[in-house]
Amino acid sequence: MPSLYPDPGIEYYYKACRKGDREAKAVTVDQSPVAALASASDITGLPRDNFEIHEISKDEFEKLRSR
């Protein structure tokens, strides 16, 4: 198993979208999938199981985050 010390410098980015949304519009973005779900639930007032998580690129993350 690879060591996580020192930090390998790998970054992941995620967006939370409503389930069934054909366009996959982001409700929120985060570097943690769990935090993205929690934030989307807080923003909309809907349960967490109404959302799905998609991994996105750093460029898309920055673009969506700046809105």
N, C-alpha and C. Protein backbone atom coordinates (compact mmCIF):
# COMPACT_ATOMS: atom_id res chain seq x y z
N MET A 1 0.85 -1.17 0.00
CA MET A 1 0.00 0.00 0.00
C MET A 1 0.90 1.24 0.00
N PRO A 2 0.63 2.19 -0.90
CA PRO A 2 1.47 3.39 -0.96
C PRO A 2 1.29 4.28 0.28
N SER A 3 2.35 4.93 0.65
CA SER A 3 2.32 5.82 1.80
C SER A 3 1.72 7.17 1.42
N LEU A 4 0.96 7.76 2.33
CA LEU A 4 0.42 9.10 2.12
C LEU A 4 1.27 10.15 2.81
N TYR A 5 2.44 9.74 3.31
CA TYR A 5 3.36 10.70 3.90
C TYR A 5 4.70 10.54 3.22
N PRO A 6 5.28 11.51 2.64
CA PRO A 6 4.75 12.85 2.50
C PRO A 6 3.58 12.87 1.52
N ASP A 7 2.77 13.91 1.61
CA ASP A 7 1.59 14.07 0.78
C ASP A 7 1.97 13.91 -0.69
N PRO A 8 1.30 12.99 -1.41
CA PRO A 8 1.65 12.77 -2.81
C PRO A 8 1.24 13.92 -3.73
N GLY A 9 0.47 14.87 -3.24
CA GLY A 9 0.10 16.04 -4.03
C GLY A 9 -1.01 15.78 -5.03
N ILE A 10 -1.74 14.70 -4.85
CA ILE A 10 -2.85 14.39 -5.75
C ILE A 10 -4.08 15.15 -5.27
N GLU A 11 -4.73 15.85 -6.20
CA GLU A 11 -5.92 16.62 -5.85
C GLU A 11 -7.11 16.08 -6.63
N TYR A 12 -8.23 15.97 -5.95
CA TYR A 12 -9.47 15.52 -6.56
C TYR A 12 -10.52 16.61 -6.36
N TYR A 13 -11.42 16.73 -7.33
CA TYR A 13 -12.47 17.74 -7.27
C TYR A 13 -13.80 17.08 -7.65
N TYR A 14 -14.86 17.50 -6.98
CA TYR A 14 -16.16 16.88 -7.17
C TYR A 14 -17.26 17.92 -7.29
N LYS A 15 -18.32 17.55 -8.01
CA LYS A 15 -19.52 18.38 -8.04
C LYS A 15 -20.69 17.50 -7.65
N ALA A 16 -21.65 18.10 -6.94
CA ALA A 16 -22.88 17.41 -6.56
C ALA A 16 -23.98 17.89 -7.49
N CYS A 17 -24.69 16.95 -8.09
CA CYS A 17 -25.78 17.25 -9.02
C CYS A 17 -27.03 16.51 -8.57
N ARG A 18 -28.18 17.03 -8.96
CA ARG A 18 -29.44 16.34 -8.68
C ARG A 18 -29.48 15.05 -9.48
N LYS A 19 -29.96 13.97 -8.87
CA LYS A 19 -30.12 12.71 -9.59
C LYS A 19 -31.13 12.91 -10.72
N GLY A 20 -30.82 12.34 -11.86
CA GLY A 20 -31.71 12.42 -13.00
C GLY A 20 -31.57 13.69 -13.82
N ASP A 21 -30.69 14.59 -13.43
CA ASP A 21 -30.47 15.83 -14.19
C ASP A 21 -29.62 15.50 -15.42
N ARG A 22 -30.24 15.58 -16.59
CA ARG A 22 -29.53 15.21 -17.82
C ARG A 22 -28.33 16.09 -18.09
N GLU A 23 -28.43 17.36 -17.73
CA GLU A 23 -27.32 18.29 -17.98
C GLU A 23 -26.26 18.24 -16.89
N ALA A 24 -26.54 17.56 -15.79
CA ALA A 24 -25.62 17.44 -14.65
C ALA A 24 -25.14 18.80 -14.17
N LYS A 25 -26.09 19.71 -13.95
CA LYS A 25 -25.74 21.04 -13.43
C LYS A 25 -25.27 20.90 -11.99
N ALA A 26 -24.18 21.56 -11.68
CA ALA A 26 -23.62 21.49 -10.33
C ALA A 26 -24.45 22.31 -9.35
N VAL A 27 -24.83 21.68 -8.25
CA VAL A 27 -25.45 22.41 -7.15
C VAL A 27 -24.34 23.04 -6.32
N THR A 28 -23.26 22.29 -6.13
CA THR A 28 -22.09 22.78 -5.41
C THR A 28 -20.86 21.98 -5.82
N VAL A 29 -19.68 22.51 -5.52
CA VAL A 29 -18.42 21.82 -5.79
C VAL A 29 -17.57 21.82 -4.52
N ASP A 30 -16.71 20.81 -4.41
CA ASP A 30 -15.85 20.71 -3.23
C ASP A 30 -14.71 19.74 -3.55
N GLN A 31 -13.70 19.72 -2.69
CA GLN A 31 -12.60 18.77 -2.84
C GLN A 31 -12.89 17.46 -2.12
N SER A 32 -14.01 17.38 -1.44
CA SER A 32 -14.43 16.17 -0.74
C SER A 32 -15.82 15.78 -1.23
N PRO A 33 -16.01 14.53 -1.63
CA PRO A 33 -17.33 14.12 -2.08
C PRO A 33 -18.38 14.19 -0.97
N VAL A 34 -17.98 13.88 0.25
CA VAL A 34 -18.91 13.93 1.39
C VAL A 34 -19.32 15.37 1.67
N ALA A 35 -18.37 16.28 1.63
CA ALA A 35 -18.67 17.70 1.87
C ALA A 35 -19.55 18.26 0.76
N ALA A 36 -19.35 17.81 -0.48
CA ALA A 36 -20.19 18.27 -1.58
C ALA A 36 -21.63 17.83 -1.39
N LEU A 37 -21.82 16.58 -0.96
CA LEU A 37 -23.18 16.09 -0.67
C LEU A 37 -23.83 16.87 0.46
N ALA A 38 -23.10 17.07 1.52
CA ALA A 38 -23.64 17.80 2.68
C ALA A 38 -24.01 19.23 2.30
N SER A 39 -23.16 19.88 1.55
CA SER A 39 -23.40 21.25 1.13
C SER A 39 -24.61 21.34 0.21
N ALA A 40 -24.72 20.42 -0.74
CA ALA A 40 -25.87 20.41 -1.65
C ALA A 40 -27.16 20.20 -0.88
N SER A 41 -27.13 19.34 0.11
CA SER A 41 -28.31 19.10 0.94
C SER A 41 -28.68 20.34 1.74
N ASP A 42 -27.69 21.01 2.28
CA ASP A 42 -27.94 22.25 3.04
C ASP A 42 -28.49 23.36 2.14
N ILE A 43 -27.95 23.48 0.94
CA ILE A 43 -28.36 24.54 0.02
C ILE A 43 -29.81 24.35 -0.42
N THR A 44 -30.18 23.11 -0.76
CA THR A 44 -31.49 22.85 -1.33
C THR A 44 -32.55 22.43 -0.32
N GLY A 45 -32.10 21.92 0.83
CA GLY A 45 -33.05 21.40 1.81
C GLY A 45 -33.53 20.00 1.50
N LEU A 46 -32.94 19.35 0.50
CA LEU A 46 -33.32 17.99 0.11
C LEU A 46 -32.39 16.98 0.77
N PRO A 47 -32.86 15.74 0.95
CA PRO A 47 -31.99 14.71 1.54
C PRO A 47 -30.78 14.42 0.64
N ARG A 48 -29.72 13.93 1.24
CA ARG A 48 -28.48 13.67 0.51
C ARG A 48 -28.62 12.63 -0.58
N ASP A 49 -29.59 11.72 -0.43
CA ASP A 49 -29.73 10.69 -1.45
C ASP A 49 -30.40 11.20 -2.73
N ASN A 50 -30.74 12.48 -2.80
CA ASN A 50 -31.28 13.09 -4.02
C ASN A 50 -30.18 13.62 -4.92
N PHE A 51 -28.92 13.39 -4.56
CA PHE A 51 -27.80 13.92 -5.32
C PHE A 51 -26.84 12.81 -5.72
N GLU A 52 -26.10 13.08 -6.78
CA GLU A 52 -25.02 12.18 -7.18
C GLU A 52 -23.75 13.01 -7.33
N ILE A 53 -22.63 12.35 -7.18
CA ILE A 53 -21.32 13.01 -7.20
C ILE A 53 -20.60 12.66 -8.50
N HIS A 54 -19.98 13.68 -9.11
CA HIS A 54 -19.16 13.49 -10.31
C HIS A 54 -17.79 14.07 -10.05
N GLU A 55 -16.75 13.33 -10.43
CA GLU A 55 -15.39 13.86 -10.34
C GLU A 55 -15.18 14.80 -11.52
N ILE A 56 -14.57 15.95 -11.26
CA ILE A 56 -14.36 16.96 -12.30
C ILE A 56 -12.90 17.38 -12.31
N SER A 57 -12.52 18.08 -13.37
CA SER A 57 -11.14 18.56 -13.50
C SER A 57 -10.93 19.81 -12.63
N LYS A 58 -9.68 20.14 -12.42
CA LYS A 58 -9.35 21.34 -11.65
C LYS A 58 -9.86 22.59 -12.36
N ASP A 59 -9.76 22.63 -13.69
CA ASP A 59 -10.25 23.78 -14.46
C ASP A 59 -11.76 23.96 -14.29
N GLU A 60 -12.50 22.86 -14.38
CA GLU A 60 -13.96 22.94 -14.21
C GLU A 60 -14.31 23.34 -12.78
N PHE A 61 -13.55 22.82 -11.81
CA PHE A 61 -13.76 23.18 -10.41
C PHE A 61 -13.59 24.68 -10.20
N GLU A 62 -12.51 25.24 -10.73
CA GLU A 62 -12.26 26.68 -10.60
C GLU A 62 -13.34 27.51 -11.28
N LYS A 63 -13.78 27.05 -12.45
CA LYS A 63 -14.82 27.76 -13.20
C LYS A 63 -16.14 27.78 -12.42
N LEU A 64 -16.54 26.61 -11.90
CA LEU A 64 -17.80 26.52 -11.16
C LEU A 64 -17.71 27.24 -9.81
N ARG A 65 -16.56 27.20 -9.21
CA ARG A 65 -16.37 27.82 -7.89
C ARG A 65 -16.44 29.35 -7.99
N SER A 66 -16.03 29.90 -9.12
CA SER A 66 -16.00 31.35 -9.27
C SER A 66 -17.37 31.97 -9.54
N ARG A 67 -18.37 31.14 -9.77
CA ARG A 67 -19.72 31.68 -10.03
C ARG A 67 -20.29 32.37 -8.86
